[in-house]
Amino acid sequence: MNATATTLATPAAAARKRRHYSPVRLGTYAFLLSAAIFFLMPLYVMLITSFKSMDEIRLGHLFGLPGSLNLDAWRIAWSSACTGLACEGIQGGFWNSIKIVLPSTVLSIFLGALNGYALSFWRARGANLLFGVLMLGAFIPVQVMMFPLVRVLASVGLFSSLPGIVLIHTMFGMPVMTLLFRNYYASIPLELFKAARIDGGGFWRIFLQLMLPMSTPMLIVAVIMQVTGIWNDYILGLVFAGRDNLPMTVQLNNIINTTTGERLYNVNMAATILTSLVPLSIYLVSGRWFVRGIAAGAVKG
């Protein structure tokens, strides 16, 4: 009995071992490793350059590690780098980005979830046409609408103001958010909505007490998409935010392009990493939730 089991188990174990070390598997791992190195190499160069002094950078050892950990470039980038005429570092742009991102994210997600809920369960006349118009807005280039939006915001006194840039980001984020939440709510059984209606639930009560609490996976996806998209925006912040509300990306561009004498590559690299730190941290912390939310929002059947 034992001999027979051993005889049967040996080929299976050998087959598993062959599959484990098969050329296809090794080639897949080699490709993934090469891709990871390719995409991480710029980040590595930026990181080690930010810790080097200018004397080390002039030696030309691009991939060499710094001789000592030097944080001067980070302090300069944060608090005293010149962004044009002002030399207050990138910290002002950081807080401006926070003030822009928080209300823009909340408003665009709430309105997108509300639209998706209404288009999924409260099908009014012309709902499909409205949904098509919203989707059309998601694919129109920003540059096409730039001048009309400037004229409209200027006419109502919101141009170059914090409420104006928040309104712009909310408008541009709402179509994609509507698509995400409509697809997510379309996967929810209609019987659940009908049961809530039978229990006396109205439009707002069903939305706030039933649908939103059930939308956690999609809310996480929406937050990741909106925060990273708004934080990384440059052109809208440059045009609509105004001089006092310039986001971090605009401040970064000003630091890199403002040169008085020697170009400080270590300060530029430190400022770039500081600017990308928020979206990078969000992806690293919430990446798996992003994949789960996208899968949960896929329409099945």
C-alpha atoms as a PDB file:
ATOM      1  CA  MET A   1       0.000   0.000   0.000  1.00  0.00           C
ATOM      2  CA  ASN A   2       2.726   2.466   0.981  1.00  0.00           C
ATOM      3  CA  ALA A   3       4.840   1.480  -1.987  1.00  0.00           C
ATOM      4  CA  THR A   4       1.939   2.087  -4.352  1.00  0.00           C
ATOM      5  CA  ALA A   5       1.236   5.496  -2.824  1.00  0.00           C
ATOM      6  CA  THR A   6       4.902   6.415  -3.080  1.00  0.00           C
ATOM      7  CA  THR A   7       4.970   5.325  -6.713  1.00  0.00           C
ATOM      8  CA  LEU A   8       1.907   7.439  -7.503  1.00  0.00           C
ATOM      9  CA  ALA A   9       3.168  10.439  -5.556  1.00  0.00           C
ATOM     10  CA  THR A  10       6.629  10.504  -7.128  1.00  0.00           C
ATOM     11  CA  PRO A  11       5.541  11.397 -10.701  1.00  0.00           C
ATOM     12  CA  ALA A  12       3.162  14.039  -9.362  1.00  0.00           C
ATOM     13  CA  ALA A  13       5.900  15.628  -7.269  1.00  0.00           C
ATOM     14  CA  ALA A  14       8.285  15.519 -10.225  1.00  0.00           C
ATOM     15  CA  ALA A  15       5.656  17.151 -12.441  1.00  0.00           C
ATOM     16  CA  ARG A  16       5.116  19.914  -9.882  1.00  0.00           C
ATOM     17  CA  LYS A  17       8.867  20.478  -9.696  1.00  0.00           C
ATOM     18  CA  ARG A  18       9.131  20.657 -13.484  1.00  0.00           C
ATOM     19  CA  ARG A  19       6.294  23.141 -13.616  1.00  0.00           C
ATOM     20  CA  HIS A  20       7.933  25.233 -10.928  1.00  0.00           C
ATOM     21  CA  TYR A  21      11.170  25.567 -12.871  1.00  0.00           C
ATOM     22  CA  SER A  22       9.683  25.615 -16.348  1.00  0.00           C
ATOM     23  CA  PRO A  23      11.175  28.033 -18.917  1.00  0.00           C
ATOM     24  CA  VAL A  24       7.856  29.855 -19.222  1.00  0.00           C
ATOM     25  CA  ARG A  25       7.710  30.542 -15.497  1.00  0.00           C
ATOM     26  CA  LEU A  26      11.340  31.639 -15.376  1.00  0.00           C
ATOM     27  CA  GLY A  27      10.822  33.870 -18.399  1.00  0.00           C
ATOM     28  CA  THR A  28       7.739  35.431 -16.769  1.00  0.00           C
ATOM     29  CA  TYR A  29       9.645  36.215 -13.594  1.00  0.00           C
ATOM     30  CA  ALA A  30      12.553  37.619 -15.603  1.00  0.00           C
ATOM     31  CA  PHE A  31      10.204  39.897 -17.539  1.00  0.00           C
ATOM     32  CA  LEU A  32       8.446  41.094 -14.367  1.00  0.00           C
ATOM     33  CA  LEU A  33      11.781  41.759 -12.661  1.00  0.00           C
ATOM     34  CA  SER A  34      13.072  43.680 -15.681  1.00  0.00           C
ATOM     35  CA  ALA A  35       9.861  45.743 -15.841  1.00  0.00           C
ATOM     36  CA  ALA A  36      10.069  46.539 -12.115  1.00  0.00           C
ATOM     37  CA  ILE A  37      13.697  47.665 -12.450  1.00  0.00           C
ATOM     38  CA  PHE A  38      12.835  49.753 -15.509  1.00  0.00           C
ATOM     39  CA  PHE A  39       9.996  51.591 -13.782  1.00  0.00           C
ATOM     40  CA  LEU A  40      11.714  51.956 -10.397  1.00  0.00           C
ATOM     41  CA  MET A  41      15.042  53.190 -11.751  1.00  0.00           C
ATOM     42  CA  PRO A  42      13.951  56.853 -12.160  1.00  0.00           C
ATOM     43  CA  LEU A  43      12.606  56.861  -8.600  1.00  0.00           C
ATOM     44  CA  TYR A  44      15.868  55.379  -7.343  1.00  0.00           C
ATOM     45  CA  VAL A  45      17.922  58.039  -9.154  1.00  0.00           C
ATOM     46  CA  MET A  46      15.704  60.821  -7.835  1.00  0.00           C
ATOM     47  CA  LEU A  47      15.876  59.514  -4.285  1.00  0.00           C
ATOM     48  CA  ILE A  48      19.647  59.088  -4.073  1.00  0.00           C
ATOM     49  CA  THR A  49      20.258  62.401  -5.863  1.00  0.00           C
ATOM     50  CA  SER A  50      18.114  64.231  -3.308  1.00  0.00           C
ATOM     51  CA  PHE A  51      20.427  62.993  -0.531  1.00  0.00           C
ATOM     52  CA  LYS A  52      23.646  64.022  -2.295  1.00  0.00           C
ATOM     53  CA  SER A  53      25.447  67.319  -2.050  1.00  0.00           C
ATOM     54  CA  MET A  54      26.170  69.268  -5.221  1.00  0.00           C
ATOM     55  CA  ASP A  55      29.833  68.296  -4.973  1.00  0.00           C
ATOM     56  CA  GLU A  56      28.876  64.602  -5.155  1.00  0.00           C
ATOM     57  CA  ILE A  57      26.482  65.232  -8.039  1.00  0.00           C
ATOM     58  CA  ARG A  58      29.231  66.935 -10.063  1.00  0.00           C
ATOM     59  CA  LEU A  59      31.298  63.726  -9.882  1.00  0.00           C
ATOM     60  CA  GLY A  60      28.858  62.206 -12.363  1.00  0.00           C
ATOM     61  CA  HIS A  61      28.124  58.938 -10.534  1.00  0.00           C
ATOM     62  CA  LEU A  62      24.426  58.865 -11.386  1.00  0.00           C
ATOM     63  CA  PHE A  63      23.640  55.495  -9.781  1.00  0.00           C
ATOM     64  CA  GLY A  64      26.141  55.704  -6.943  1.00  0.00           C
ATOM     65  CA  LEU A  65      24.885  55.916  -3.370  1.00  0.00           C
ATOM     66  CA  PRO A  66      25.523  59.158  -1.457  1.00  0.00           C
ATOM     67  CA  GLY A  67      28.603  59.226   0.737  1.00  0.00           C
ATOM     68  CA  SER A  68      26.560  60.529   3.673  1.00  0.00           C
ATOM     69  CA  LEU A  69      22.902  61.177   4.379  1.00  0.00           C
ATOM     70  CA  ASN A  70      22.394  64.852   3.591  1.00  0.00           C
ATOM     71  CA  LEU A  71      18.930  66.299   4.278  1.00  0.00           C
ATOM     72  CA  ASP A  72      19.765  69.897   3.351  1.00  0.00           C
ATOM     73  CA  ALA A  73      18.104  69.594  -0.070  1.00  0.00           C
ATOM     74  CA  TRP A  74      14.861  68.399   1.534  1.00  0.00           C
ATOM     75  CA  ARG A  75      14.819  71.298   4.001  1.00  0.00           C
ATOM     76  CA  ILE A  76      15.488  73.804   1.221  1.00  0.00           C
ATOM     77  CA  ALA A  77      12.836  72.301  -1.046  1.00  0.00           C
ATOM     78  CA  TRP A  78      10.223  72.409   1.720  1.00  0.00           C
ATOM     79  CA  SER A  79      10.882  75.810   3.287  1.00  0.00           C
ATOM     80  CA  SER A  80      13.231  78.075   1.321  1.00  0.00           C
ATOM     81  CA  ALA A  81      13.399  77.142  -2.379  1.00  0.00           C
ATOM     82  CA  CYS A  82      12.447  79.955  -4.764  1.00  0.00           C
ATOM     83  CA  THR A  83       9.152  79.562  -6.629  1.00  0.00           C
ATOM     84  CA  GLY A  84       9.540  82.689  -8.698  1.00  0.00           C
ATOM     85  CA  LEU A  85      10.013  85.874  -6.677  1.00  0.00           C
ATOM     86  CA  ALA A  86       9.088  84.241  -3.351  1.00  0.00           C
ATOM     87  CA  CYS A  87      11.550  81.898  -1.656  1.00  0.00           C
ATOM     88  CA  GLU A  88       9.273  80.061   0.765  1.00  0.00           C
ATOM     89  CA  GLY A  89       9.686  76.532  -0.546  1.00  0.00           C
ATOM     90  CA  ILE A  90       7.002  74.125  -1.615  1.00  0.00           C
ATOM     91  CA  GLN A  91       5.111  74.007   1.685  1.00  0.00           C
ATOM     92  CA  GLY A  92       2.657  76.702   0.585  1.00  0.00           C
ATOM     93  CA  GLY A  93       1.713  74.660  -2.467  1.00  0.00           C
ATOM     94  CA  PHE A  94       1.224  71.600  -0.261  1.00  0.00           C
ATOM     95  CA  TRP A  95      -1.402  73.301   1.897  1.00  0.00           C
ATOM     96  CA  ASN A  96      -3.023  74.836  -1.175  1.00  0.00           C
ATOM     97  CA  SER A  97      -3.322  71.355  -2.699  1.00  0.00           C
ATOM     98  CA  ILE A  98      -4.905  70.085   0.524  1.00  0.00           C
ATOM     99  CA  LYS A  99      -7.477  72.890   0.439  1.00  0.00           C
ATOM    100  CA  ILE A 100      -8.259  72.089  -3.201  1.00  0.00           C
ATOM    101  CA  VAL A 101      -8.287  68.294  -2.999  1.00  0.00           C
ATOM    102  CA  LEU A 102     -10.508  67.768   0.059  1.00  0.00           C
ATOM    103  CA  PRO A 103     -13.665  69.656  -1.007  1.00  0.00           C
ATOM    104  CA  SER A 104     -13.237  68.714  -4.685  1.00  0.00           C
ATOM    105  CA  THR A 105     -13.006  65.018  -3.830  1.00  0.00           C
ATOM    106  CA  VAL A 106     -15.971  65.039  -1.452  1.00  0.00           C
ATOM    107  CA  LEU A 107     -18.241  67.008  -3.776  1.00  0.00           C
ATOM    108  CA  SER A 108     -17.412  65.098  -6.968  1.00  0.00           C
ATOM    109  CA  ILE A 109     -17.820  61.702  -5.279  1.00  0.00           C
ATOM    110  CA  PHE A 110     -21.087  62.666  -3.592  1.00  0.00           C
ATOM    111  CA  LEU A 111     -22.587  64.065  -6.800  1.00  0.00           C
ATOM    112  CA  GLY A 112     -21.293  61.113  -8.845  1.00  0.00           C
ATOM    113  CA  ALA A 113     -22.774  58.620  -6.367  1.00  0.00           C
ATOM    114  CA  LEU A 114     -26.057  60.529  -6.358  1.00  0.00           C
ATOM    115  CA  ASN A 115     -26.208  60.568 -10.164  1.00  0.00           C
ATOM    116  CA  GLY A 116     -25.320  56.890 -10.395  1.00  0.00           C
ATOM    117  CA  TYR A 117     -27.995  56.014  -7.842  1.00  0.00           C
ATOM    118  CA  ALA A 118     -30.653  58.084  -9.604  1.00  0.00           C
ATOM    119  CA  LEU A 119     -29.784  56.704 -13.047  1.00  0.00           C
ATOM    120  CA  SER A 120     -29.816  53.111 -11.763  1.00  0.00           C
ATOM    121  CA  PHE A 121     -32.998  53.013  -9.658  1.00  0.00           C
ATOM    122  CA  TRP A 122     -35.026  56.149 -10.397  1.00  0.00           C
ATOM    123  CA  ARG A 123     -35.175  56.014 -14.175  1.00  0.00           C
ATOM    124  CA  ALA A 124     -36.775  59.327 -15.125  1.00  0.00           C
ATOM    125  CA  ARG A 125     -37.650  60.238 -18.691  1.00  0.00           C
ATOM    126  CA  GLY A 126     -34.492  61.097 -20.615  1.00  0.00           C
ATOM    127  CA  ALA A 127     -32.195  59.400 -18.087  1.00  0.00           C
ATOM    128  CA  ASN A 128     -30.239  57.592 -20.807  1.00  0.00           C
ATOM    129  CA  LEU A 129     -29.778  60.846 -22.719  1.00  0.00           C
ATOM    130  CA  LEU A 130     -28.513  62.562 -19.567  1.00  0.00           C
ATOM    131  CA  PHE A 131     -26.109  59.705 -18.946  1.00  0.00           C
ATOM    132  CA  GLY A 132     -24.813  59.989 -22.511  1.00  0.00           C
ATOM    133  CA  VAL A 133     -24.232  63.724 -22.090  1.00  0.00           C
ATOM    134  CA  LEU A 134     -22.314  63.097 -18.863  1.00  0.00           C
ATOM    135  CA  MET A 135     -20.144  60.490 -20.557  1.00  0.00           C
ATOM    136  CA  LEU A 136     -19.491  62.855 -23.446  1.00  0.00           C
ATOM    137  CA  GLY A 137     -18.229  65.389 -20.926  1.00  0.00           C
ATOM    138  CA  ALA A 138     -15.733  62.858 -19.594  1.00  0.00           C
ATOM    139  CA  PHE A 139     -13.989  62.573 -22.966  1.00  0.00           C
ATOM    140  CA  ILE A 140     -13.913  66.188 -24.123  1.00  0.00           C
ATOM    141  CA  PRO A 141     -10.348  67.543 -23.788  1.00  0.00           C
ATOM    142  CA  VAL A 142      -9.852  70.088 -21.038  1.00  0.00           C
ATOM    143  CA  GLN A 143      -8.210  72.520 -23.446  1.00  0.00           C
ATOM    144  CA  VAL A 144     -11.401  72.770 -25.530  1.00  0.00           C
ATOM    145  CA  MET A 145     -13.407  74.077 -22.564  1.00  0.00           C
ATOM    146  CA  MET A 146     -10.672  76.214 -21.013  1.00  0.00           C
ATOM    147  CA  PHE A 147     -11.575  79.592 -22.508  1.00  0.00           C
ATOM    148  CA  PRO A 148     -15.378  79.280 -22.066  1.00  0.00           C
ATOM    149  CA  LEU A 149     -14.868  78.269 -18.432  1.00  0.00           C
ATOM    150  CA  VAL A 150     -12.584  81.247 -17.835  1.00  0.00           C
ATOM    151  CA  ARG A 151     -15.256  83.570 -19.209  1.00  0.00           C
ATOM    152  CA  VAL A 152     -18.037  81.961 -17.174  1.00  0.00           C
ATOM    153  CA  LEU A 153     -16.109  81.979 -13.890  1.00  0.00           C
ATOM    154  CA  ALA A 154     -14.973  85.561 -14.467  1.00  0.00           C
ATOM    155  CA  SER A 155     -18.582  86.655 -15.054  1.00  0.00           C
ATOM    156  CA  VAL A 156     -19.694  85.211 -11.689  1.00  0.00           C
ATOM    157  CA  GLY A 157     -16.633  86.399  -9.771  1.00  0.00           C
ATOM    158  CA  LEU A 158     -15.070  82.975  -9.136  1.00  0.00           C
ATOM    159  CA  PHE A 159     -12.078  83.126 -11.449  1.00  0.00           C
ATOM    160  CA  SER A 160      -8.673  82.861  -9.700  1.00  0.00           C
ATOM    161  CA  SER A 161     -10.264  81.801  -6.423  1.00  0.00           C
ATOM    162  CA  LEU A 162     -10.364  78.691  -4.258  1.00  0.00           C
ATOM    163  CA  PRO A 163     -14.121  78.077  -4.786  1.00  0.00           C
ATOM    164  CA  GLY A 164     -13.543  78.448  -8.527  1.00  0.00           C
ATOM    165  CA  ILE A 165     -10.861  75.751  -8.791  1.00  0.00           C
ATOM    166  CA  VAL A 166     -12.909  73.461  -6.497  1.00  0.00           C
ATOM    167  CA  LEU A 167     -15.923  73.916  -8.774  1.00  0.00           C
ATOM    168  CA  ILE A 168     -13.824  73.135 -11.867  1.00  0.00           C
ATOM    169  CA  HIS A 169     -12.432  69.897 -10.388  1.00  0.00           C
ATOM    170  CA  THR A 170     -15.913  68.887  -9.236  1.00  0.00           C
ATOM    171  CA  MET A 171     -17.327  69.413 -12.727  1.00  0.00           C
ATOM    172  CA  PHE A 172     -14.565  67.442 -14.452  1.00  0.00           C
ATOM    173  CA  GLY A 173     -14.687  64.602 -11.915  1.00  0.00           C
ATOM    174  CA  MET A 174     -18.447  64.120 -11.869  1.00  0.00           C
ATOM    175  CA  PRO A 175     -18.856  62.259 -15.220  1.00  0.00           C
ATOM    176  CA  VAL A 176     -16.314  59.530 -14.372  1.00  0.00           C
ATOM    177  CA  MET A 177     -17.696  59.222 -10.844  1.00  0.00           C
ATOM    178  CA  THR A 178     -21.201  58.872 -12.268  1.00  0.00           C
ATOM    179  CA  LEU A 179     -20.035  56.068 -14.567  1.00  0.00           C
ATOM    180  CA  LEU A 180     -18.317  54.212 -11.719  1.00  0.00           C
ATOM    181  CA  PHE A 181     -21.266  54.386  -9.328  1.00  0.00           C
ATOM    182  CA  ARG A 182     -23.868  53.650 -12.005  1.00  0.00           C
ATOM    183  CA  ASN A 183     -22.030  50.459 -12.924  1.00  0.00           C
ATOM    184  CA  TYR A 184     -21.702  49.534  -9.263  1.00  0.00           C
ATOM    185  CA  TYR A 185     -25.366  50.130  -8.446  1.00  0.00           C
ATOM    186  CA  ALA A 186     -26.398  48.233 -11.589  1.00  0.00           C
ATOM    187  CA  SER A 187     -24.849  45.106 -10.031  1.00  0.00           C
ATOM    188  CA  ILE A 188     -27.019  45.431  -6.890  1.00  0.00           C
ATOM    189  CA  PRO A 189     -30.235  43.309  -7.034  1.00  0.00           C
ATOM    190  CA  LEU A 190     -33.239  45.452  -7.851  1.00  0.00           C
ATOM    191  CA  GLU A 191     -35.260  43.502  -5.275  1.00  0.00           C
ATOM    192  CA  LEU A 192     -33.250  45.168  -2.500  1.00  0.00           C
ATOM    193  CA  PHE A 193     -34.302  48.598  -3.731  1.00  0.00           C
ATOM    194  CA  LYS A 194     -37.928  47.493  -4.090  1.00  0.00           C
ATOM    195  CA  ALA A 195     -37.921  46.135  -0.547  1.00  0.00           C
ATOM    196  CA  ALA A 196     -36.657  49.473   0.740  1.00  0.00           C
ATOM    197  CA  ARG A 197     -39.439  51.226  -1.180  1.00  0.00           C
ATOM    198  CA  ILE A 198     -42.048  48.908   0.327  1.00  0.00           C
ATOM    199  CA  ASP A 199     -40.692  49.718   3.794  1.00  0.00           C
ATOM    200  CA  GLY A 200     -41.414  53.379   3.148  1.00  0.00           C
ATOM    201  CA  GLY A 201     -37.988  54.594   2.092  1.00  0.00           C
ATOM    202  CA  GLY A 202     -37.836  57.684  -0.087  1.00  0.00           C
ATOM    203  CA  PHE A 203     -35.192  58.924  -2.486  1.00  0.00           C
ATOM    204  CA  TRP A 204     -32.804  60.420   0.072  1.00  0.00           C
ATOM    205  CA  ARG A 205     -33.394  57.881   2.827  1.00  0.00           C
ATOM    206  CA  ILE A 206     -32.601  54.911   0.570  1.00  0.00           C
ATOM    207  CA  PHE A 207     -29.542  56.685  -0.801  1.00  0.00           C
ATOM    208  CA  LEU A 208     -28.065  57.817   2.524  1.00  0.00           C
ATOM    209  CA  GLN A 209     -28.998  54.849   4.717  1.00  0.00           C
ATOM    210  CA  LEU A 210     -28.804  51.945   2.273  1.00  0.00           C
ATOM    211  CA  MET A 211     -26.871  52.651  -0.903  1.00  0.00           C
ATOM    212  CA  LEU A 212     -23.980  54.740   0.428  1.00  0.00           C
ATOM    213  CA  PRO A 213     -23.122  52.299   3.262  1.00  0.00           C
ATOM    214  CA  MET A 214     -23.104  49.490   0.676  1.00  0.00           C
ATOM    215  CA  SER A 215     -20.775  51.466  -1.613  1.00  0.00           C
ATOM    216  CA  THR A 216     -17.594  51.197   0.466  1.00  0.00           C
ATOM    217  CA  PRO A 217     -15.517  49.371  -2.218  1.00  0.00           C
ATOM    218  CA  MET A 218     -16.480  51.897  -4.880  1.00  0.00           C
ATOM    219  CA  LEU A 219     -16.009  54.835  -2.510  1.00  0.00           C
ATOM    220  CA  ILE A 220     -12.424  53.711  -1.934  1.00  0.00           C
ATOM    221  CA  VAL A 221     -11.820  53.518  -5.693  1.00  0.00           C
ATOM    222  CA  ALA A 222     -13.393  56.942  -6.186  1.00  0.00           C
ATOM    223  CA  VAL A 223     -11.282  58.529  -3.441  1.00  0.00           C
ATOM    224  CA  ILE A 224      -8.074  57.074  -4.900  1.00  0.00           C
ATOM    225  CA  MET A 225      -8.924  58.245  -8.412  1.00  0.00           C
ATOM    226  CA  GLN A 226     -10.019  61.733  -7.407  1.00  0.00           C
ATOM    227  CA  VAL A 227      -7.293  62.469  -4.874  1.00  0.00           C
ATOM    228  CA  THR A 228      -4.495  61.352  -7.204  1.00  0.00           C
ATOM    229  CA  GLY A 229      -6.044  63.017 -10.253  1.00  0.00           C
ATOM    230  CA  ILE A 230      -6.670  66.363  -8.575  1.00  0.00           C
ATOM    231  CA  TRP A 231      -3.355  66.324  -6.712  1.00  0.00           C
ATOM    232  CA  ASN A 232      -1.390  65.659  -9.920  1.00  0.00           C
ATOM    233  CA  ASP A 233      -3.258  68.291 -11.928  1.00  0.00           C
ATOM    234  CA  TYR A 234      -1.201  71.158 -13.301  1.00  0.00           C
ATOM    235  CA  ILE A 235      -3.043  72.964 -16.089  1.00  0.00           C
ATOM    236  CA  LEU A 236      -6.333  73.567 -14.224  1.00  0.00           C
ATOM    237  CA  GLY A 237      -4.535  74.747 -11.100  1.00  0.00           C
ATOM    238  CA  LEU A 238      -2.345  77.071 -13.133  1.00  0.00           C
ATOM    239  CA  VAL A 239      -5.280  78.670 -14.966  1.00  0.00           C
ATOM    240  CA  PHE A 240      -8.085  78.735 -12.384  1.00  0.00           C
ATOM    241  CA  ALA A 241      -6.534  78.683  -8.897  1.00  0.00           C
ATOM    242  CA  GLY A 242      -5.113  82.187  -8.846  1.00  0.00           C
ATOM    243  CA  ARG A 243      -1.800  83.408  -7.485  1.00  0.00           C
ATOM    244  CA  ASP A 244      -2.704  82.799  -3.841  1.00  0.00           C
ATOM    245  CA  ASN A 245      -3.981  79.226  -4.324  1.00  0.00           C
ATOM    246  CA  LEU A 246      -1.428  77.652  -6.664  1.00  0.00           C
ATOM    247  CA  PRO A 247      -1.254  73.882  -6.039  1.00  0.00           C
ATOM    248  CA  MET A 248       1.911  71.940  -5.323  1.00  0.00           C
ATOM    249  CA  THR A 249       2.465  70.884  -8.930  1.00  0.00           C
ATOM    250  CA  VAL A 250       2.583  74.506 -10.092  1.00  0.00           C
ATOM    251  CA  GLN A 251       4.969  75.380  -7.270  1.00  0.00           C
ATOM    252  CA  LEU A 252       7.174  72.440  -8.284  1.00  0.00           C
ATOM    253  CA  ASN A 253       7.329  73.696 -11.861  1.00  0.00           C
ATOM    254  CA  ASN A 254       8.303  77.137 -10.588  1.00  0.00           C
ATOM    255  CA  ILE A 255      11.086  75.684  -8.427  1.00  0.00           C
ATOM    256  CA  ILE A 256      12.569  73.638 -11.262  1.00  0.00           C
ATOM    257  CA  ASN A 257      12.370  76.472 -13.804  1.00  0.00           C
ATOM    258  CA  THR A 258      13.576  79.210 -11.450  1.00  0.00           C
ATOM    259  CA  THR A 259      17.351  79.320 -11.799  1.00  0.00           C
ATOM    260  CA  THR A 260      19.600  81.958 -10.273  1.00  0.00           C
ATOM    261  CA  GLY A 261      23.166  80.829 -10.920  1.00  0.00           C
ATOM    262  CA  GLU A 262      23.719  77.135 -10.205  1.00  0.00           C
ATOM    263  CA  ARG A 263      20.927  74.637 -10.877  1.00  0.00           C
ATOM    264  CA  LEU A 264      20.391  72.646  -7.674  1.00  0.00           C
ATOM    265  CA  TYR A 265      19.515  69.158  -8.895  1.00  0.00           C
ATOM    266  CA  ASN A 266      19.284  67.731  -5.379  1.00  0.00           C
ATOM    267  CA  VAL A 267      16.715  70.365  -4.384  1.00  0.00           C
ATOM    268  CA  ASN A 268      14.737  69.737  -7.583  1.00  0.00           C
ATOM    269  CA  MET A 269      14.672  65.993  -6.912  1.00  0.00           C
ATOM    270  CA  ALA A 270      13.630  66.472  -3.288  1.00  0.00           C
ATOM    271  CA  ALA A 271      10.833  68.853  -4.314  1.00  0.00           C
ATOM    272  CA  THR A 272       9.621  66.363  -6.942  1.00  0.00           C
ATOM    273  CA  ILE A 273       9.478  63.514  -4.431  1.00  0.00           C
ATOM    274  CA  LEU A 274       7.678  65.698  -1.884  1.00  0.00           C
ATOM    275  CA  THR A 275       5.097  66.605  -4.517  1.00  0.00           C
ATOM    276  CA  SER A 276       4.472  62.980  -5.508  1.00  0.00           C
ATOM    277  CA  LEU A 277       4.522  61.647  -1.951  1.00  0.00           C
ATOM    278  CA  VAL A 278       0.764  61.884  -1.334  1.00  0.00           C
ATOM    279  CA  PRO A 279      -0.472  59.985  -4.447  1.00  0.00           C
ATOM    280  CA  LEU A 280       2.401  57.504  -4.143  1.00  0.00           C
ATOM    281  CA  SER A 281       1.496  56.772  -0.520  1.00  0.00           C
ATOM    282  CA  ILE A 282      -2.171  56.352  -1.412  1.00  0.00           C
ATOM    283  CA  TYR A 283      -1.379  53.802  -4.109  1.00  0.00           C
ATOM    284  CA  LEU A 284       1.007  51.872  -1.879  1.00  0.00           C
ATOM    285  CA  VAL A 285      -1.440  51.735   1.033  1.00  0.00           C
ATOM    286  CA  SER A 286      -4.702  51.279  -0.887  1.00  0.00           C
ATOM    287  CA  GLY A 287      -3.638  49.442  -4.044  1.00  0.00           C
ATOM    288  CA  ARG A 288      -5.366  46.177  -3.191  1.00  0.00           C
ATOM    289  CA  TRP A 289      -8.569  48.003  -2.253  1.00  0.00           C
ATOM    290  CA  PHE A 290      -8.462  49.747  -5.623  1.00  0.00           C
ATOM    291  CA  VAL A 291      -8.397  46.400  -7.461  1.00  0.00           C
ATOM    292  CA  ARG A 292     -11.201  45.013  -5.292  1.00  0.00           C
ATOM    293  CA  GLY A 293     -13.350  48.057  -5.838  1.00  0.00           C
ATOM    294  CA  ILE A 294     -12.888  47.999  -9.604  1.00  0.00           C
ATOM    295  CA  ALA A 295     -13.841  44.309  -9.657  1.00  0.00           C
ATOM    296  CA  ALA A 296     -16.883  45.003  -7.465  1.00  0.00           C
ATOM    297  CA  GLY A 297     -17.988  47.773  -9.811  1.00  0.00           C
ATOM    298  CA  ALA A 298     -17.810  45.662 -12.952  1.00  0.00           C
ATOM    299  CA  VAL A 299     -21.183  44.928 -14.507  1.00  0.00           C
ATOM    300  CA  LYS A 300     -21.717  41.175 -14.663  1.00  0.00           C
ATOM    301  CA  GLY A 301     -23.904  39.200 -16.983  1.00  0.00           C
END
